[in-house]
N, C-alpha and C. Protein backbone atom coordinates (compact mmCIF):
# COMPACT_ATOMS: atom_id res chain seq x y z
N MET A 1 0.82 -1.19 0.00
CA MET A 1 0.00 0.00 0.00
C MET A 1 0.87 1.25 0.00
N MET A 2 1.95 1.22 0.79
CA MET A 2 2.80 2.40 0.92
C MET A 2 3.50 2.72 -0.40
N LYS A 3 3.91 1.68 -1.13
CA LYS A 3 4.60 1.91 -2.40
C LYS A 3 3.68 2.58 -3.40
N ASN A 4 2.43 2.22 -3.39
CA ASN A 4 1.47 2.81 -4.31
C ASN A 4 1.29 4.31 -4.00
N GLU A 5 1.18 4.63 -2.69
CA GLU A 5 1.03 6.03 -2.30
C GLU A 5 2.28 6.83 -2.65
N ASP A 6 3.44 6.22 -2.44
CA ASP A 6 4.69 6.90 -2.79
C ASP A 6 4.75 7.18 -4.29
N LYS A 7 4.32 6.20 -5.09
CA LYS A 7 4.33 6.37 -6.54
C LYS A 7 3.37 7.47 -6.96
N LEU A 8 2.18 7.49 -6.34
CA LEU A 8 1.19 8.53 -6.66
C LEU A 8 1.74 9.92 -6.30
N LEU A 9 2.34 10.03 -5.12
CA LEU A 9 2.90 11.32 -4.73
C LEU A 9 4.02 11.75 -5.67
N LYS A 10 4.88 10.82 -6.02
CA LYS A 10 5.98 11.14 -6.93
C LYS A 10 5.46 11.58 -8.28
N ASP A 11 4.48 10.87 -8.81
CA ASP A 11 3.90 11.24 -10.10
C ASP A 11 3.24 12.61 -10.02
N PHE A 12 2.55 12.88 -8.92
CA PHE A 12 1.87 14.17 -8.77
C PHE A 12 2.89 15.32 -8.76
N PHE A 13 3.93 15.17 -7.93
CA PHE A 13 4.90 16.25 -7.82
C PHE A 13 5.74 16.40 -9.09
N ASP A 14 5.98 15.30 -9.79
CA ASP A 14 6.70 15.40 -11.06
C ASP A 14 5.89 16.16 -12.09
N SER A 15 4.58 15.94 -12.11
CA SER A 15 3.74 16.63 -13.11
C SER A 15 3.50 18.10 -12.75
N GLU A 16 3.54 18.44 -11.48
CA GLU A 16 3.26 19.81 -11.05
C GLU A 16 4.53 20.64 -10.80
N ARG A 17 5.66 20.12 -11.16
CA ARG A 17 6.92 20.81 -10.90
C ARG A 17 7.00 22.11 -11.71
N GLN A 18 7.43 23.18 -11.03
CA GLN A 18 7.62 24.46 -11.70
C GLN A 18 9.03 24.96 -11.39
N GLU A 19 9.69 25.46 -12.39
CA GLU A 19 11.02 26.02 -12.20
C GLU A 19 10.89 27.51 -11.93
N ILE A 20 11.49 27.97 -10.87
CA ILE A 20 11.48 29.37 -10.52
C ILE A 20 12.84 29.95 -10.88
N GLU A 21 12.82 31.04 -11.67
CA GLU A 21 14.08 31.62 -12.10
C GLU A 21 14.79 32.28 -10.93
N ASP A 22 16.08 32.05 -10.87
CA ASP A 22 16.89 32.57 -9.78
C ASP A 22 17.32 34.02 -10.05
N ASN A 23 17.64 34.32 -11.28
CA ASN A 23 18.12 35.65 -11.69
C ASN A 23 19.29 36.13 -10.84
N GLY A 24 20.17 35.23 -10.43
CA GLY A 24 21.36 35.58 -9.67
C GLY A 24 21.12 35.84 -8.19
N PHE A 25 19.92 35.53 -7.71
CA PHE A 25 19.59 35.79 -6.30
C PHE A 25 20.51 35.01 -5.36
N SER A 26 20.70 33.74 -5.63
CA SER A 26 21.54 32.90 -4.76
C SER A 26 22.96 33.43 -4.70
N ALA A 27 23.49 33.84 -5.84
CA ALA A 27 24.87 34.36 -5.87
C ALA A 27 24.97 35.65 -5.07
N ARG A 28 23.98 36.52 -5.16
CA ARG A 28 24.01 37.77 -4.41
C ARG A 28 23.94 37.50 -2.91
N VAL A 29 23.11 36.56 -2.50
CA VAL A 29 23.00 36.23 -1.08
C VAL A 29 24.33 35.68 -0.58
N MET A 30 24.95 34.78 -1.33
CA MET A 30 26.20 34.17 -0.90
C MET A 30 27.32 35.22 -0.78
N ARG A 31 27.34 36.23 -1.67
CA ARG A 31 28.36 37.28 -1.60
C ARG A 31 28.17 38.16 -0.37
N LYS A 32 26.94 38.34 0.09
CA LYS A 32 26.69 39.22 1.22
C LYS A 32 26.82 38.52 2.58
N LEU A 33 26.93 37.20 2.59
CA LEU A 33 27.10 36.49 3.86
C LEU A 33 28.47 36.81 4.45
N PRO A 34 28.56 36.98 5.76
CA PRO A 34 29.87 37.28 6.36
C PRO A 34 30.79 36.07 6.27
N ILE A 35 32.05 36.37 6.15
CA ILE A 35 33.05 35.31 6.03
C ILE A 35 33.57 35.03 7.44
N ARG A 36 32.71 34.56 8.30
CA ARG A 36 33.04 34.39 9.70
C ARG A 36 34.08 33.29 9.92
N ARG A 37 33.92 32.20 9.22
CA ARG A 37 34.83 31.07 9.43
C ARG A 37 36.27 31.46 9.08
N GLN A 38 36.43 32.21 8.00
CA GLN A 38 37.77 32.62 7.60
C GLN A 38 38.38 33.55 8.64
N ARG A 39 37.59 34.45 9.19
CA ARG A 39 38.09 35.35 10.23
C ARG A 39 38.49 34.57 11.47
N ILE A 40 37.69 33.60 11.84
CA ILE A 40 38.01 32.79 13.02
C ILE A 40 39.32 32.03 12.81
N VAL A 41 39.52 31.49 11.62
CA VAL A 41 40.75 30.76 11.32
C VAL A 41 41.95 31.70 11.38
N GLN A 42 41.82 32.91 10.84
CA GLN A 42 42.92 33.86 10.88
C GLN A 42 43.25 34.27 12.31
N ILE A 43 42.22 34.54 13.11
CA ILE A 43 42.44 34.93 14.50
C ILE A 43 43.09 33.78 15.26
N TRP A 44 42.59 32.57 15.07
CA TRP A 44 43.14 31.40 15.77
C TRP A 44 44.60 31.17 15.37
N SER A 45 44.92 31.33 14.10
CA SER A 45 46.30 31.17 13.64
C SER A 45 47.21 32.21 14.28
N ALA A 46 46.73 33.46 14.36
CA ALA A 46 47.54 34.51 14.97
C ALA A 46 47.77 34.24 16.45
N VAL A 47 46.73 33.81 17.16
CA VAL A 47 46.86 33.51 18.59
C VAL A 47 47.84 32.37 18.80
N CYS A 48 47.72 31.32 18.02
CA CYS A 48 48.64 30.17 18.17
C CYS A 48 50.08 30.56 17.83
N THR A 49 50.25 31.43 16.84
CA THR A 49 51.59 31.88 16.48
C THR A 49 52.21 32.67 17.62
N VAL A 50 51.43 33.58 18.21
CA VAL A 50 51.95 34.38 19.32
C VAL A 50 52.30 33.48 20.51
N ILE A 51 51.44 32.53 20.81
CA ILE A 51 51.72 31.61 21.91
C ILE A 51 52.98 30.79 21.61
N GLY A 52 53.11 30.32 20.38
CA GLY A 52 54.29 29.54 20.01
C GLY A 52 55.57 30.34 20.11
N VAL A 53 55.54 31.59 19.66
CA VAL A 53 56.73 32.44 19.75
C VAL A 53 57.06 32.71 21.21
N PHE A 54 56.04 32.97 22.02
CA PHE A 54 56.27 33.21 23.44
C PHE A 54 56.90 31.99 24.11
N ILE A 55 56.37 30.81 23.84
CA ILE A 55 56.92 29.58 24.43
C ILE A 55 58.35 29.34 23.93
N PHE A 56 58.57 29.59 22.64
CA PHE A 56 59.90 29.40 22.06
C PHE A 56 60.94 30.23 22.80
N PHE A 57 60.64 31.51 22.99
CA PHE A 57 61.62 32.38 23.64
C PHE A 57 61.66 32.18 25.15
N SER A 58 60.54 31.83 25.76
CA SER A 58 60.56 31.62 27.21
C SER A 58 61.33 30.35 27.59
N LEU A 59 61.40 29.39 26.70
CA LEU A 59 62.15 28.15 26.95
C LEU A 59 63.54 28.19 26.31
N ASN A 60 64.01 29.39 25.93
CA ASN A 60 65.33 29.56 25.31
C ASN A 60 65.49 28.69 24.07
N GLY A 61 64.52 28.71 23.21
CA GLY A 61 64.54 27.88 22.01
C GLY A 61 65.69 28.20 21.08
N LEU A 62 66.02 29.49 20.94
CA LEU A 62 67.12 29.87 20.07
C LEU A 62 68.44 29.30 20.57
N GLU A 63 68.64 29.38 21.88
CA GLU A 63 69.86 28.83 22.48
C GLU A 63 69.92 27.31 22.28
N LEU A 64 68.80 26.64 22.43
CA LEU A 64 68.77 25.19 22.24
C LEU A 64 69.10 24.81 20.80
N ILE A 65 68.58 25.56 19.86
CA ILE A 65 68.86 25.27 18.44
C ILE A 65 70.34 25.50 18.14
N LEU A 66 70.89 26.62 18.62
CA LEU A 66 72.31 26.89 18.38
C LEU A 66 73.20 25.85 19.05
N ASN A 67 72.84 25.41 20.26
CA ASN A 67 73.61 24.36 20.93
C ASN A 67 73.56 23.05 20.15
N THR A 68 72.41 22.74 19.60
CA THR A 68 72.27 21.51 18.81
C THR A 68 73.16 21.56 17.57
N PHE A 69 73.17 22.71 16.88
CA PHE A 69 74.04 22.84 15.71
C PHE A 69 75.51 22.76 16.11
N ARG A 70 75.87 23.41 17.23
CA ARG A 70 77.25 23.38 17.70
C ARG A 70 77.68 21.96 18.04
N GLU A 71 76.82 21.23 18.76
CA GLU A 71 77.16 19.86 19.14
C GLU A 71 77.26 18.96 17.91
N GLY A 72 76.38 19.16 16.97
CA GLY A 72 76.46 18.38 15.73
C GLY A 72 77.74 18.66 14.97
N PHE A 73 78.13 19.92 14.90
CA PHE A 73 79.36 20.29 14.22
C PHE A 73 80.58 19.70 14.95
N LEU A 74 80.61 19.81 16.29
CA LEU A 74 81.72 19.26 17.06
C LEU A 74 81.81 17.75 16.92
N MET A 75 80.65 17.08 16.90
CA MET A 75 80.65 15.63 16.74
C MET A 75 81.19 15.25 15.36
N ALA A 76 80.82 16.02 14.34
CA ALA A 76 81.32 15.72 13.00
C ALA A 76 82.83 15.91 12.93
N VAL A 77 83.32 16.96 13.57
CA VAL A 77 84.76 17.21 13.56
C VAL A 77 85.50 16.12 14.34
N GLN A 78 84.95 15.70 15.47
CA GLN A 78 85.62 14.69 16.29
C GLN A 78 85.62 13.33 15.62
N ASN A 79 84.67 13.08 14.75
CA ASN A 79 84.58 11.77 14.10
C ASN A 79 85.26 11.75 12.74
N GLY A 80 86.16 12.68 12.49
CA GLY A 80 86.97 12.59 11.29
C GLY A 80 86.51 13.44 10.13
N ALA A 81 85.62 14.35 10.32
CA ALA A 81 85.18 15.21 9.21
C ALA A 81 85.83 16.59 9.37
N GLU A 82 87.19 16.60 9.37
CA GLU A 82 87.91 17.85 9.59
C GLU A 82 87.82 18.78 8.40
N HIS A 83 87.62 18.24 7.24
CA HIS A 83 87.65 19.05 6.02
C HIS A 83 86.24 19.31 5.49
N ILE A 84 85.40 19.80 6.36
CA ILE A 84 84.05 20.14 5.93
C ILE A 84 84.09 21.49 5.23
N ASP A 85 83.55 21.53 4.05
CA ASP A 85 83.50 22.76 3.28
C ASP A 85 82.47 23.71 3.91
N PRO A 86 82.82 24.97 4.13
CA PRO A 86 81.86 25.92 4.69
C PRO A 86 80.60 26.09 3.83
N LYS A 87 80.77 25.90 2.52
CA LYS A 87 79.60 25.99 1.62
C LYS A 87 78.58 24.90 1.95
N THR A 88 79.08 23.73 2.29
CA THR A 88 78.20 22.62 2.65
C THR A 88 77.40 22.95 3.90
N ILE A 89 78.08 23.49 4.89
CA ILE A 89 77.38 23.87 6.12
C ILE A 89 76.33 24.94 5.82
N GLY A 90 76.70 25.90 4.98
CA GLY A 90 75.75 26.95 4.59
C GLY A 90 74.54 26.38 3.89
N ILE A 91 74.77 25.43 3.00
CA ILE A 91 73.66 24.81 2.27
C ILE A 91 72.74 24.07 3.23
N VAL A 92 73.33 23.32 4.17
CA VAL A 92 72.53 22.58 5.15
C VAL A 92 71.69 23.54 5.98
N VAL A 93 72.28 24.64 6.43
CA VAL A 93 71.55 25.62 7.23
C VAL A 93 70.42 26.24 6.42
N VAL A 94 70.69 26.62 5.18
CA VAL A 94 69.65 27.23 4.32
C VAL A 94 68.51 26.24 4.08
N VAL A 95 68.84 24.99 3.83
CA VAL A 95 67.80 23.98 3.60
C VAL A 95 66.97 23.78 4.87
N CYS A 96 67.61 23.72 6.02
CA CYS A 96 66.87 23.57 7.28
C CYS A 96 65.95 24.76 7.53
N ILE A 97 66.44 25.96 7.30
CA ILE A 97 65.61 27.15 7.47
C ILE A 97 64.44 27.13 6.49
N GLY A 98 64.72 26.73 5.25
CA GLY A 98 63.65 26.63 4.26
C GLY A 98 62.58 25.64 4.66
N LEU A 99 62.99 24.50 5.19
CA LEU A 99 62.01 23.50 5.65
C LEU A 99 61.18 24.02 6.81
N VAL A 100 61.82 24.74 7.73
CA VAL A 100 61.08 25.31 8.86
C VAL A 100 60.07 26.34 8.36
N ILE A 101 60.49 27.21 7.46
CA ILE A 101 59.57 28.24 6.93
C ILE A 101 58.42 27.58 6.19
N GLN A 102 58.71 26.55 5.39
CA GLN A 102 57.65 25.86 4.66
C GLN A 102 56.66 25.22 5.61
N LYS A 103 57.14 24.63 6.68
CA LYS A 103 56.26 23.97 7.65
C LYS A 103 55.40 25.00 8.38
N VAL A 104 56.00 26.11 8.78
CA VAL A 104 55.25 27.14 9.49
C VAL A 104 54.17 27.74 8.60
N THR A 105 54.51 28.04 7.35
CA THR A 105 53.52 28.64 6.45
C THR A 105 52.43 27.65 6.07
N SER A 106 52.73 26.36 6.08
CA SER A 106 51.69 25.39 5.74
C SER A 106 50.62 25.33 6.83
N TYR A 107 50.99 25.66 8.08
CA TYR A 107 50.02 25.68 9.15
C TYR A 107 49.06 26.85 9.02
N SER A 108 49.55 27.99 8.49
CA SER A 108 48.69 29.17 8.41
C SER A 108 47.73 29.10 7.24
N LEU A 109 47.98 28.23 6.28
CA LEU A 109 47.06 28.10 5.15
C LEU A 109 46.04 27.09 5.50
């Protein structure tokens, strides 16, 4: 019985269907809606960045990074890498900085 009623309703609504012209109404409404989500994301990213920078400097992050590079360099020298080209060290540092920048910017997008 239910299938018959469903078929009758479907047939009725299919035959009485009318298309209402939009004339760009939907697009105008969508353009006027506030972009709240995007603002929230930007604010949240800024807050997290400020917190991260604060934690980085409060825990002496710069000193820890420099100590890590110094220890790595000393270990390389002690293990027989006396003839390290300064260009190589520069390239490694630039690549590491590039990776850090890429990672940080990927979070903000």
